Amino acid sequence: MSMIMGYTHGGALWEPKFISELNQDSCIGCGRCYKVCSRDVFDLVEKEISDEDDDLYDDYDDDEVMMVMAVKDQMDCVGCGSCAKVCPKNCHSFESAAMPA
């Protein structure tokens, strides 16, 4: 099984890593990954606040939900890794992908 590979502008071989998961427990909903992604891979969603979250984030004392990012369209990811570079909480996980049959 061969993996998806590409080339940089300079001709170097490059293996893209595609979004596989986003850890909503770590996400603070800053939206940086959403803003940097040109492929509409992410979406802002509501997450119920647990007692643990309430203790961590004083801003949410009176709220029942907080906004976090979610993977909206994993199949549209091009593997650039920009989302991971701007994330202050390292919420994103990536995997290589096999060539389609």
Protein backbone atom coordinates (compact mmCIF):
# COMPACT_ATOMS: atom_id res chain seq x y z
CA MET A 1 0.00 0.00 0.00
CA SER A 2 1.59 3.27 -1.07
CA MET A 3 1.03 6.48 0.82
CA ILE A 4 -0.04 9.80 -0.69
CA MET A 5 3.10 11.77 -1.50
CA GLY A 6 3.73 15.16 -3.04
CA TYR A 7 6.57 17.43 -4.03
CA THR A 8 7.53 20.84 -2.75
CA HIS A 9 8.14 23.69 -5.19
CA GLY A 10 11.85 22.91 -4.87
CA GLY A 11 11.31 19.29 -5.89
CA ALA A 12 11.72 17.66 -2.47
CA LEU A 13 9.44 14.72 -1.70
CA TRP A 14 6.77 15.56 0.92
CA GLU A 15 4.28 13.32 2.74
CA PRO A 16 1.19 15.28 3.83
CA LYS A 17 -0.39 14.49 7.19
CA PHE A 18 -4.18 14.81 7.18
CA ILE A 19 -6.40 15.81 10.12
CA SER A 20 -7.65 12.73 11.93
CA GLU A 21 -8.99 14.15 15.17
CA LEU A 22 -9.47 17.32 17.20
CA ASN A 23 -9.41 17.05 21.00
CA GLN A 24 -12.36 19.16 22.17
CA ASP A 25 -11.34 18.71 25.82
CA SER A 26 -8.18 20.73 25.11
CA CYS A 27 -9.75 23.17 22.65
CA ILE A 28 -10.45 26.69 23.91
CA GLY A 29 -12.51 27.72 20.87
CA CYS A 30 -10.10 30.45 19.77
CA GLY A 31 -10.90 29.79 16.09
CA ARG A 32 -7.31 30.14 14.86
CA CYS A 33 -7.45 26.81 13.01
CA TYR A 34 -10.75 27.83 11.42
CA LYS A 35 -9.30 31.14 10.25
CA VAL A 36 -6.12 29.66 8.77
CA CYS A 37 -7.79 26.73 6.98
CA SER A 38 -8.58 27.54 3.36
CA ARG A 39 -10.54 24.31 2.87
CA ASP A 40 -13.48 24.72 5.32
CA VAL A 41 -12.40 21.67 7.36
CA PHE A 42 -13.43 23.09 10.77
CA ASP A 43 -16.60 24.36 12.40
CA LEU A 44 -17.38 26.06 15.71
CA VAL A 45 -19.77 23.98 17.85
CA GLU A 46 -21.25 24.11 21.32
CA LYS A 47 -19.90 21.88 24.08
CA GLU A 48 -21.62 21.43 27.41
CA ILE A 49 -19.48 22.66 30.28
CA SER A 50 -18.51 20.03 32.80
CA ASP A 51 -17.68 20.90 36.41
CA GLU A 52 -14.01 20.49 35.52
CA ASP A 53 -14.30 22.97 32.62
CA ASP A 54 -16.16 25.40 34.87
CA ASP A 55 -13.26 25.36 37.34
CA LEU A 56 -10.68 25.90 34.56
CA TYR A 57 -12.44 28.75 32.77
CA ASP A 58 -13.78 31.47 35.05
CA ASP A 59 -15.43 33.14 32.03
CA TYR A 60 -18.03 30.37 31.91
CA ASP A 61 -19.37 30.59 35.47
CA ASP A 62 -22.88 31.52 34.38
CA ASP A 63 -22.96 29.64 31.05
CA GLU A 64 -23.99 26.09 30.38
CA VAL A 65 -22.09 25.71 27.08
CA MET A 66 -18.80 26.85 25.61
CA MET A 67 -17.78 27.04 21.96
CA VAL A 68 -15.07 24.69 20.66
CA MET A 69 -13.84 23.63 17.24
CA ALA A 70 -14.85 20.39 15.52
CA VAL A 71 -13.74 18.66 12.34
CA LYS A 72 -16.50 19.48 9.85
CA ASP A 73 -15.14 17.94 6.64
CA GLN A 74 -12.13 15.69 7.23
CA MET A 75 -12.11 14.59 3.59
CA ASP A 76 -11.41 18.17 2.39
CA CYS A 77 -8.11 18.42 4.33
CA VAL A 78 -5.06 18.86 2.06
CA GLY A 79 -2.54 18.00 4.78
CA CYS A 80 -0.82 21.37 5.01
CA GLY A 81 -0.65 21.34 8.84
CA SER A 82 -1.41 25.06 9.17
CA CYS A 83 -4.05 24.37 11.82
CA ALA A 84 -1.52 22.67 14.10
CA LYS A 85 0.96 25.50 13.68
CA VAL A 86 -1.47 28.13 14.99
CA CYS A 87 -3.15 26.08 17.73
CA PRO A 88 -2.03 27.23 21.21
CA LYS A 89 -3.30 23.99 22.82
CA ASN A 90 -2.03 21.33 20.34
CA CYS A 91 -5.55 19.95 19.84
CA HIS A 92 -5.05 18.43 16.37
CA SER A 93 -3.97 14.88 15.50
CA PHE A 94 -2.81 13.84 12.04
CA GLU A 95 -2.26 10.70 9.97
CA SER A 96 -0.76 9.81 6.63
CA ALA A 97 -3.18 8.46 4.05
CA ALA A 98 -2.98 5.67 1.52
CA MET A 99 -3.37 6.33 -2.19
CA PRO A 100 -6.97 5.77 -3.31
CA ALA A 101 -7.53 2.63 -5.34
